[in-house]
Amino acid sequence: MTDTTPASPPVLARVLIVGNGIMSLANSVTVPFLAVFLHRDLGLQPGMIGFIIGSSVFFSIFAGFVGGSLSDLLGRTRLLLTSLLGVIGSFAGLYFSHSVLAVFVFNATMALTSSSFGPVGKALLSDLLPPGRRVKWFSYQYMTTNMGYAVGPVVGAAVGLAGDRSAFLVGALGYGVYLLGLAGVLLLTPSLASTGKPGRTVTGEGQTQLFGSVLQGLADSARVVATDARLLFLIVAGLLLEAVHGRVSSLLAQHLSDAFTDGTAILGYVLTTNAVTVVVLQLSVSRITGKRNPVTSIVVGGLLTVLGMAGFAFAQEVWHFIAAMVVFSLGEILICPAEFAIMDRIAPEDRRGSYFGAQTFAQLGVFIGPYTGGLLLAAYGGTTMFLGVGSFALASVVIHLLVGRRIPGLAGPVQEPAAARPQEEPADEVA
């Protein structure tokens, strides 16, 4: 881990945070409107559109684990640079695609190459920063993601990019800017380029031996992950939370469109409330929770999530939905950085990428939540749907309480060495 004082975080950490915002901005002017492009430009029907977009979740889960594990073997910065090139190529491929097969292939390659950024980027931040500061920087990363997604769709729609083929070139340009910035920093600061270097040296003569060593390393990572009961329980708990948070917009959209004549307008207000709440309150909340018990943060966040879903269930007016979304968003703010903090604590030093990669299996909740919600909505109505899906968060709270109490060092606050603890720590500056 790079040695750094609390007042001077490495420039590479700043680049990762800023780059995360650039990526989310590039994604938000393209990915949310992919369905519009597929229908308007290629004339695809809803079933095929759903298959193409939905299948990317499975590619993302696979790539998240493999990418995280490879970063332990081959180095994190190398994986990030390669992935950036892959996403740029995928966007360019989508721009030139005029068939269903081509769109499916390039959408899949984009999911495969982009999904390593989450686990590898968080593992690299952990390599760069001392334990007491990681939660705060995970919060910065989460905040810039939301800032990009708050601004991107509005800008994209305003300049006519929504569903337009040219949006893919804009996305490629955004990733290209990040690629140049990251590569430039690594070239100008060679000492940082070795950060996140392989924890175990990959040996062997020739490409065959190297390939075999990498496969063996992936197999070892999979074995370690699969036999860590703590990690498996936390993945299940994360999946339950993801089932609630991952696609709450789809649950709201279905309910509002059926129960309210102005449901589309209400949905817009509610989703804007979510983005604004996260961007405005993220830093303030992270200062409070940064060095505190991450299990407590998730428990409180999970309970706020349940309250938010109950608010949606019984809301009758626009302000009811807005108030419920503020509560729901506060829960989200508490949960996301704390989940990464817990994973950082239980991950072995040389398997950090693998553990963050394994966390992507929780994305299965993105399918489970909307599917379960749709069944409940059709059978029992919106109130039961929100309460039923919200109960997943309550189950996750129980798991975190049980697991947190049984893992030594997990539930307590971060303890930094006395020599590294300043008398009065100055505030971090991302840029």
Protein backbone atom coordinates (compact mmCIF):
# COMPACT_ATOMS: atom_id res chain seq x y z
CA MET A 1 0.00 0.00 0.00
CA THR A 2 1.27 3.43 -0.92
CA ASP A 3 2.43 5.42 2.05
CA THR A 4 0.47 8.62 2.37
CA THR A 5 -0.29 11.15 5.05
CA PRO A 6 -3.88 11.92 5.92
CA ALA A 7 -3.51 15.44 4.48
CA SER A 8 -2.20 14.28 1.12
CA PRO A 9 -4.08 11.42 -0.53
CA PRO A 10 -2.33 10.03 -3.63
CA VAL A 11 -3.11 11.74 -6.92
CA LEU A 12 -4.13 8.35 -8.33
CA ALA A 13 -6.93 8.14 -5.75
CA ARG A 14 -8.21 11.52 -6.91
CA VAL A 15 -8.08 10.40 -10.54
CA LEU A 16 -10.10 7.30 -9.69
CA ILE A 17 -12.81 9.41 -8.06
CA VAL A 18 -13.00 11.96 -10.87
CA GLY A 19 -12.82 9.20 -13.48
CA ASN A 20 -15.71 7.42 -11.80
CA GLY A 21 -17.83 10.52 -12.34
CA ILE A 22 -16.75 10.75 -15.99
CA MET A 23 -17.69 7.10 -16.57
CA SER A 24 -21.12 7.46 -14.97
CA LEU A 25 -21.76 10.59 -17.03
CA ALA A 26 -20.79 8.75 -20.22
CA ASN A 27 -22.93 5.76 -19.25
CA SER A 28 -25.95 7.88 -18.32
CA VAL A 29 -26.28 9.49 -21.75
CA THR A 30 -26.29 6.07 -23.41
CA VAL A 31 -27.31 3.08 -21.29
CA PRO A 32 -30.67 4.43 -19.95
CA PHE A 33 -31.75 5.15 -23.54
CA LEU A 34 -30.52 1.89 -25.04
CA ALA A 35 -34.07 0.51 -25.15
CA VAL A 36 -35.21 3.61 -27.08
CA PHE A 37 -32.38 3.14 -29.59
CA LEU A 38 -33.13 -0.56 -30.07
CA HIS A 39 -36.81 0.09 -30.71
CA ARG A 40 -36.54 3.28 -32.79
CA ASP A 41 -33.40 2.58 -34.79
CA LEU A 42 -33.48 -1.20 -35.15
CA GLY A 43 -37.23 -1.80 -34.77
CA LEU A 44 -36.86 -4.48 -32.10
CA GLN A 45 -39.84 -5.68 -30.07
CA PRO A 46 -40.02 -5.39 -26.24
CA GLY A 47 -39.20 -9.06 -25.68
CA MET A 48 -35.95 -8.92 -27.63
CA ILE A 49 -35.06 -5.55 -26.12
CA GLY A 50 -35.54 -6.97 -22.62
CA PHE A 51 -33.41 -10.00 -23.46
CA ILE A 52 -30.50 -7.92 -24.79
CA ILE A 53 -30.52 -5.46 -21.89
CA GLY A 54 -31.29 -8.00 -19.17
CA SER A 55 -28.59 -10.44 -20.26
CA SER A 56 -25.91 -7.85 -19.51
CA VAL A 57 -26.46 -8.43 -15.78
CA PHE A 58 -25.06 -11.96 -16.04
CA PHE A 59 -22.06 -10.80 -18.06
CA SER A 60 -21.45 -8.10 -15.45
CA ILE A 61 -21.49 -10.58 -12.57
CA PHE A 62 -19.06 -12.91 -14.33
CA ALA A 63 -16.72 -10.08 -15.31
CA GLY A 64 -16.81 -8.52 -11.85
CA PHE A 65 -15.43 -11.62 -10.17
CA VAL A 66 -12.97 -12.57 -12.91
CA GLY A 67 -11.74 -8.99 -13.25
CA GLY A 68 -11.26 -8.61 -9.52
CA SER A 69 -9.39 -11.91 -9.31
CA LEU A 70 -7.20 -11.07 -12.30
CA SER A 71 -6.26 -7.77 -10.68
CA ASP A 72 -4.80 -9.78 -7.78
CA LEU A 73 -2.74 -11.76 -10.27
CA LEU A 74 -1.79 -9.23 -12.95
CA GLY A 75 -2.08 -5.84 -11.25
CA ARG A 76 -4.95 -3.38 -10.89
CA THR A 77 -3.86 -0.48 -13.10
CA ARG A 78 -3.19 -2.84 -16.00
CA LEU A 79 -6.73 -4.22 -15.72
CA LEU A 80 -8.25 -0.74 -15.54
CA LEU A 81 -6.43 0.48 -18.65
CA THR A 82 -7.36 -2.66 -20.59
CA SER A 83 -10.98 -2.38 -19.52
CA LEU A 84 -11.16 1.26 -20.60
CA LEU A 85 -9.98 0.28 -24.06
CA GLY A 86 -12.59 -2.48 -24.12
CA VAL A 87 -15.45 -0.12 -23.26
CA ILE A 88 -14.33 2.43 -25.86
CA GLY A 89 -14.28 -0.33 -28.48
CA SER A 90 -17.74 -1.53 -27.38
CA PHE A 91 -19.25 1.94 -27.71
CA ALA A 92 -17.70 2.30 -31.16
CA GLY A 93 -19.08 -1.12 -32.09
CA LEU A 94 -22.59 -0.15 -30.98
CA TYR A 95 -22.39 3.00 -33.09
CA PHE A 96 -21.69 0.95 -36.21
CA SER A 97 -24.12 -1.91 -35.34
CA HIS A 98 -27.14 -2.45 -37.59
CA SER A 99 -28.14 -5.99 -36.60
CA VAL A 100 -29.48 -7.69 -33.50
CA LEU A 101 -26.44 -9.98 -33.25
CA ALA A 102 -23.98 -7.09 -33.43
CA VAL A 103 -25.85 -5.11 -30.77
CA PHE A 104 -26.00 -8.16 -28.49
CA VAL A 105 -22.27 -8.85 -28.90
CA PHE A 106 -21.12 -5.28 -28.26
CA ASN A 107 -23.56 -4.80 -25.38
CA ALA A 108 -22.13 -7.99 -23.86
CA THR A 109 -18.52 -6.88 -24.36
CA MET A 110 -19.35 -3.53 -22.79
CA ALA A 111 -20.79 -5.31 -19.74
CA LEU A 112 -17.76 -7.60 -19.56
CA THR A 113 -15.17 -4.82 -19.82
CA SER A 114 -16.91 -2.16 -17.73
CA SER A 115 -17.92 -4.37 -14.81
CA SER A 116 -14.37 -4.82 -13.57
CA PHE A 117 -14.16 -1.11 -12.75
CA GLY A 118 -16.24 -1.40 -9.58
CA PRO A 119 -14.31 -4.15 -7.76
CA VAL A 120 -10.87 -3.29 -9.18
CA GLY A 121 -11.30 0.43 -8.50
CA LYS A 122 -12.35 -0.19 -4.90
CA ALA A 123 -9.51 -2.65 -4.38
CA LEU A 124 -7.08 -0.06 -5.76
CA LEU A 125 -8.45 2.62 -3.44
CA SER A 126 -7.91 0.20 -0.55
CA ASP A 127 -4.32 -0.30 -1.72
CA LEU A 128 -3.74 3.44 -1.88
CA LEU A 129 -5.36 4.60 1.37
CA PRO A 130 -4.94 3.75 5.07
CA PRO A 131 -7.87 1.83 6.63
CA GLY A 132 -9.30 4.80 8.50
CA ARG A 133 -9.89 6.79 5.33
CA ARG A 134 -11.28 4.19 2.96
CA VAL A 135 -14.96 4.53 3.88
CA LYS A 136 -14.81 8.27 3.21
CA TRP A 137 -13.29 7.70 -0.22
CA PHE A 138 -15.76 4.94 -1.03
CA SER A 139 -18.37 7.60 -0.28
CA TYR A 140 -16.68 10.01 -2.70
CA GLN A 141 -16.75 7.32 -5.35
CA TYR A 142 -20.42 6.63 -4.75
CA MET A 143 -21.23 10.37 -4.79
CA THR A 144 -19.53 11.03 -8.13
CA THR A 145 -21.41 8.09 -9.63
CA ASN A 146 -24.71 9.62 -8.59
CA MET A 147 -23.66 13.06 -9.78
CA GLY A 148 -22.99 11.65 -13.24
CA TYR A 149 -26.31 9.85 -13.38
CA ALA A 150 -28.15 12.91 -12.08
CA VAL A 151 -26.75 15.17 -14.80
CA GLY A 152 -26.26 12.81 -17.75
CA PRO A 153 -29.83 11.89 -18.72
CA VAL A 154 -30.96 15.52 -18.51
CA VAL A 155 -28.04 16.73 -20.64
CA GLY A 156 -28.46 13.86 -23.08
CA ALA A 157 -32.15 14.59 -23.57
CA ALA A 158 -31.55 18.36 -23.82
CA VAL A 159 -29.00 18.07 -26.65
CA GLY A 160 -30.89 15.36 -28.51
CA LEU A 161 -28.75 12.36 -27.61
CA ALA A 162 -31.53 10.33 -25.97
CA GLY A 163 -31.80 7.15 -28.00
CA ASP A 164 -29.65 8.58 -30.82
CA ARG A 165 -26.82 6.57 -32.35
CA SER A 166 -24.37 9.44 -31.85
CA ALA A 167 -24.68 9.04 -28.07
CA PHE A 168 -22.37 6.01 -28.32
CA LEU A 169 -19.61 8.21 -29.73
CA VAL A 170 -20.10 10.64 -26.84
CA GLY A 171 -19.79 7.71 -24.44
CA ALA A 172 -16.59 6.55 -26.14
CA LEU A 173 -15.23 10.09 -25.93
CA GLY A 174 -15.91 10.26 -22.19
CA TYR A 175 -14.11 6.99 -21.55
CA GLY A 176 -11.29 8.15 -23.81
CA VAL A 177 -10.80 11.25 -21.66
CA TYR A 178 -10.55 9.06 -18.57
CA LEU A 179 -8.14 6.68 -20.31
CA LEU A 180 -5.82 9.53 -21.25
CA GLY A 181 -5.97 11.02 -17.75
CA LEU A 182 -5.29 7.71 -16.00
CA ALA A 183 -2.49 6.76 -18.39
CA GLY A 184 -0.95 10.22 -18.03
CA VAL A 185 -0.89 10.03 -14.24
CA LEU A 186 0.67 6.56 -14.32
CA LEU A 187 3.34 7.72 -16.77
CA LEU A 188 4.18 10.87 -14.80
CA THR A 189 4.21 9.09 -11.43
CA PRO A 190 5.91 5.70 -11.99
CA SER A 191 5.83 4.95 -8.26
CA LEU A 192 2.01 4.86 -8.38
CA ALA A 193 1.96 2.56 -11.40
CA SER A 194 3.16 -0.31 -9.21
CA THR A 195 0.33 0.18 -6.69
CA GLY A 196 -1.96 -2.79 -6.62
CA LYS A 197 0.73 -4.98 -8.12
CA PRO A 198 0.12 -8.74 -8.01
CA GLY A 199 0.15 -10.15 -4.53
CA ARG A 200 1.64 -13.34 -5.93
CA THR A 201 4.11 -13.44 -8.80
CA VAL A 202 2.85 -15.23 -11.89
CA THR A 203 5.69 -17.52 -12.97
CA GLY A 204 6.35 -19.82 -15.87
CA GLU A 205 8.20 -19.84 -19.17
CA GLY A 206 6.26 -18.90 -22.25
CA GLN A 207 2.63 -18.07 -22.88
CA THR A 208 1.38 -21.57 -22.08
CA GLN A 209 2.87 -21.51 -18.59
CA LEU A 210 1.60 -17.98 -18.01
CA PHE A 211 -1.92 -18.91 -19.10
CA GLY A 212 -1.84 -21.96 -16.84
CA SER A 213 -0.64 -19.85 -13.91
CA VAL A 214 -3.48 -17.38 -14.40
CA LEU A 215 -6.07 -20.16 -14.61
CA GLN A 216 -4.65 -21.71 -11.46
CA GLY A 217 -4.78 -18.34 -9.73
CA LEU A 218 -8.43 -17.86 -10.72
CA ALA A 219 -9.24 -21.35 -9.45
CA ASP A 220 -7.49 -20.62 -6.15
CA SER A 221 -9.41 -17.35 -5.78
CA ALA A 222 -12.71 -19.09 -6.49
CA ARG A 223 -11.89 -21.75 -3.89
CA VAL A 224 -11.00 -19.21 -1.23
CA VAL A 225 -14.15 -17.18 -1.90
CA ALA A 226 -16.42 -20.23 -1.98
CA THR A 227 -15.14 -21.51 1.38
CA ASP A 228 -15.40 -18.22 3.28
CA ALA A 229 -18.73 -18.48 5.10
CA ARG A 230 -18.55 -14.83 6.19
CA LEU A 231 -18.30 -13.67 2.60
CA LEU A 232 -21.10 -15.93 1.41
CA PHE A 233 -23.51 -14.67 4.08
CA LEU A 234 -22.59 -11.06 3.27
CA ILE A 235 -23.19 -11.69 -0.45
CA VAL A 236 -26.67 -13.05 0.34
CA ALA A 237 -27.34 -10.04 2.55
CA GLY A 238 -26.12 -7.71 -0.20
CA LEU A 239 -28.30 -9.49 -2.75
CA LEU A 240 -31.36 -8.86 -0.58
CA LEU A 241 -30.53 -5.16 -0.35
CA GLU A 242 -29.85 -4.97 -4.08
CA ALA A 243 -33.27 -6.51 -4.72
CA VAL A 244 -34.76 -3.42 -3.08
CA HIS A 245 -32.38 -0.67 -4.23
CA GLY A 246 -31.31 -2.02 -7.60
CA ARG A 247 -34.47 -1.33 -9.59
CA VAL A 248 -36.80 0.58 -7.27
CA SER A 249 -37.48 2.89 -10.22
CA SER A 250 -39.14 0.01 -12.11
CA LEU A 251 -41.35 -0.80 -9.13
CA LEU A 252 -42.37 2.84 -8.82
CA ALA A 253 -42.94 3.14 -12.56
CA GLN A 254 -45.31 0.17 -12.65
CA HIS A 255 -47.27 1.27 -9.61
CA LEU A 256 -47.52 4.96 -10.57
CA SER A 257 -48.53 4.26 -14.16
CA ASP A 258 -51.39 2.03 -13.00
CA ALA A 259 -52.62 3.98 -9.95
CA PHE A 260 -52.13 7.65 -10.92
CA THR A 261 -53.13 9.56 -14.03
CA ASP A 262 -50.01 11.74 -13.75
CA GLY A 263 -47.78 8.84 -12.76
CA THR A 264 -44.99 9.70 -15.23
CA ALA A 265 -44.62 13.20 -13.80
CA ILE A 266 -44.61 11.87 -10.24
CA LEU A 267 -41.93 9.35 -11.16
CA GLY A 268 -39.75 12.14 -12.51
CA TYR A 269 -40.09 14.13 -9.28
CA VAL A 270 -39.32 11.09 -7.16
CA LEU A 271 -36.23 10.00 -9.11
CA THR A 272 -34.90 13.56 -9.11
CA THR A 273 -35.40 13.61 -5.33
CA ASN A 274 -33.27 10.48 -5.04
CA ALA A 275 -30.39 11.94 -7.06
CA VAL A 276 -30.47 15.30 -5.29
CA THR A 277 -30.66 13.73 -1.82
CA VAL A 278 -27.67 11.48 -2.50
CA VAL A 279 -25.52 14.25 -3.99
CA VAL A 280 -26.36 16.82 -1.29
CA LEU A 281 -26.13 14.60 1.79
CA GLN A 282 -23.50 12.02 0.85
CA LEU A 283 -20.45 13.91 2.13
CA SER A 284 -22.14 15.03 5.35
CA VAL A 285 -23.27 11.51 6.16
CA SER A 286 -19.86 10.03 5.27
CA ARG A 287 -18.15 12.35 7.77
CA ILE A 288 -20.41 10.99 10.50
CA THR A 289 -20.12 7.32 9.57
CA GLY A 290 -16.57 7.22 8.11
CA LYS A 291 -14.80 5.77 11.17
CA ARG A 292 -17.80 4.22 12.85
CA ASN A 293 -19.20 0.74 12.87
CA PRO A 294 -20.11 -0.19 9.25
CA VAL A 295 -22.49 -2.89 10.46
CA THR A 296 -24.47 -0.26 12.37
CA SER A 297 -24.54 1.93 9.27
CA ILE A 298 -26.04 -0.91 7.23
CA VAL A 299 -28.55 -1.83 9.94
CA VAL A 300 -29.76 1.77 10.24
CA GLY A 301 -29.72 2.13 6.45
CA GLY A 302 -31.69 -1.08 6.04
CA LEU A 303 -34.35 0.06 8.50
CA LEU A 304 -34.62 3.40 6.69
CA THR A 305 -35.02 1.46 3.45
CA VAL A 306 -37.91 -0.50 4.96
CA LEU A 307 -39.53 2.74 6.15
CA GLY A 308 -39.10 4.26 2.71
CA MET A 309 -40.75 1.27 1.03
CA ALA A 310 -43.60 1.44 3.54
CA GLY A 311 -43.98 5.11 2.66
CA PHE A 312 -44.31 4.21 -1.03
CA ALA A 313 -46.83 1.52 -0.14
CA PHE A 314 -49.24 3.93 1.57
CA ALA A 315 -48.48 7.14 -0.35
CA GLN A 316 -51.47 8.97 -1.81
CA GLU A 317 -50.05 12.37 -2.72
CA VAL A 318 -46.97 13.55 -4.59
CA TRP A 319 -45.31 14.84 -1.42
CA HIS A 320 -45.84 11.44 0.22
CA PHE A 321 -43.74 9.80 -2.48
CA ILE A 322 -41.10 12.52 -2.27
CA ALA A 323 -40.84 12.23 1.52
CA ALA A 324 -40.63 8.44 1.27
CA MET A 325 -37.85 8.75 -1.31
CA VAL A 326 -35.83 11.06 0.97
CA VAL A 327 -35.98 8.40 3.71
CA PHE A 328 -35.20 5.65 1.20
CA SER A 329 -32.23 7.63 -0.17
CA LEU A 330 -30.80 8.19 3.31
CA GLY A 331 -30.80 4.44 3.75
CA GLU A 332 -29.01 4.05 0.42
CA ILE A 333 -26.37 6.61 1.44
CA LEU A 334 -25.64 4.70 4.64
CA ILE A 335 -25.58 1.26 3.05
CA CYS A 336 -23.43 1.51 -0.07
CA PRO A 337 -20.09 2.74 1.37
CA ALA A 338 -20.51 0.58 4.47
CA GLU A 339 -20.90 -2.57 2.36
CA PHE A 340 -17.56 -1.90 0.69
CA ALA A 341 -15.98 -1.09 4.06
CA ILE A 342 -17.05 -4.47 5.46
CA MET A 343 -15.72 -6.27 2.40
CA ASP A 344 -12.43 -4.40 2.75
CA ARG A 345 -12.08 -5.60 6.35
CA ILE A 346 -12.65 -9.30 5.73
CA ALA A 347 -10.63 -9.53 2.49
CA PRO A 348 -7.11 -11.00 2.75
CA GLU A 349 -4.46 -8.56 1.54
CA ASP A 350 -3.57 -10.66 -1.52
CA ARG A 351 -7.20 -11.51 -2.40
CA ARG A 352 -8.77 -8.07 -2.12
CA GLY A 353 -9.72 -7.90 -5.79
CA SER A 354 -11.31 -11.35 -5.63
CA TYR A 355 -13.44 -10.40 -2.63
CA PHE A 356 -14.65 -7.15 -4.17
CA GLY A 357 -15.30 -9.07 -7.37
CA ALA A 358 -17.31 -11.72 -5.53
CA GLN A 359 -19.47 -8.93 -4.15
CA THR A 360 -20.86 -8.41 -7.67
CA PHE A 361 -22.85 -11.64 -7.30
CA ALA A 362 -25.24 -9.52 -5.22
CA GLN A 363 -26.34 -7.96 -8.51
CA LEU A 364 -28.60 -10.97 -8.96
CA GLY A 365 -30.91 -8.97 -6.74
CA VAL A 366 -31.44 -6.60 -9.69
CA PHE A 367 -33.41 -9.45 -11.28
CA ILE A 368 -35.03 -10.86 -8.13
CA GLY A 369 -36.46 -7.56 -6.88
CA PRO A 370 -38.35 -6.45 -10.02
CA TYR A 371 -39.48 -10.00 -10.78
CA THR A 372 -40.88 -10.56 -7.30
CA GLY A 373 -42.35 -7.07 -7.29
CA GLY A 374 -44.10 -7.68 -10.61
CA LEU A 375 -45.67 -10.89 -9.32
CA LEU A 376 -46.88 -9.19 -6.13
CA LEU A 377 -48.22 -6.18 -8.03
CA ALA A 378 -50.22 -8.36 -10.42
CA ALA A 379 -51.65 -10.52 -7.66
CA TYR A 380 -52.14 -8.15 -4.72
CA GLY A 381 -51.49 -4.55 -5.79
CA GLY A 382 -48.91 -1.86 -5.14
CA THR A 383 -49.14 -1.75 -1.36
CA THR A 384 -48.28 -5.44 -1.02
CA MET A 385 -45.56 -5.11 -3.66
CA PHE A 386 -43.65 -2.39 -1.77
CA LEU A 387 -44.07 -4.07 1.61
CA GLY A 388 -43.10 -7.47 0.21
CA VAL A 389 -39.98 -6.29 -1.59
CA GLY A 390 -39.13 -4.04 1.37
CA SER A 391 -39.06 -7.10 3.61
CA PHE A 392 -35.90 -8.21 1.77
CA ALA A 393 -34.10 -5.28 3.39
CA LEU A 394 -35.35 -6.36 6.81
CA ALA A 395 -33.99 -9.87 6.22
CA SER A 396 -30.64 -8.36 5.21
CA VAL A 397 -30.54 -6.36 8.46
CA VAL A 398 -30.95 -9.58 10.43
CA ILE A 399 -28.12 -11.29 8.52
CA HIS A 400 -25.77 -8.35 9.05
CA LEU A 401 -26.52 -8.31 12.77
CA LEU A 402 -25.85 -12.03 13.10
CA VAL A 403 -22.72 -12.06 10.93
CA GLY A 404 -21.35 -8.82 12.37
CA ARG A 405 -21.42 -10.14 15.91
CA ARG A 406 -19.60 -13.33 14.97
CA ILE A 407 -16.66 -11.89 13.02
CA PRO A 408 -13.85 -10.53 15.20
CA GLY A 409 -12.93 -7.00 14.24
CA LEU A 410 -15.80 -6.56 11.78
CA ALA A 411 -18.29 -4.68 13.92
CA GLY A 412 -15.86 -2.30 15.63
CA PRO A 413 -14.65 1.05 14.30
CA VAL A 414 -11.39 1.29 12.38
CA GLN A 415 -8.36 1.63 14.63
CA GLU A 416 -5.41 3.42 13.04
CA PRO A 417 -1.89 3.29 14.41
CA ALA A 418 -1.21 6.14 16.82
CA ALA A 419 1.67 7.42 14.72
CA ALA A 420 -0.59 7.78 11.71
CA ARG A 421 -3.37 9.59 13.58
CA PRO A 422 -3.02 13.38 13.41
CA GLN A 423 -4.08 15.56 16.30
CA GLU A 424 -6.56 17.33 14.08
CA GLU A 425 -7.23 15.65 10.77
CA PRO A 426 -7.86 18.05 7.91
CA ALA A 427 -10.71 17.41 5.52
CA ASP A 428 -10.01 15.35 2.43
CA GLU A 429 -10.09 17.10 -0.91
CA VAL A 430 -10.95 15.01 -3.91
CA ALA A 431 -9.62 17.43 -6.45
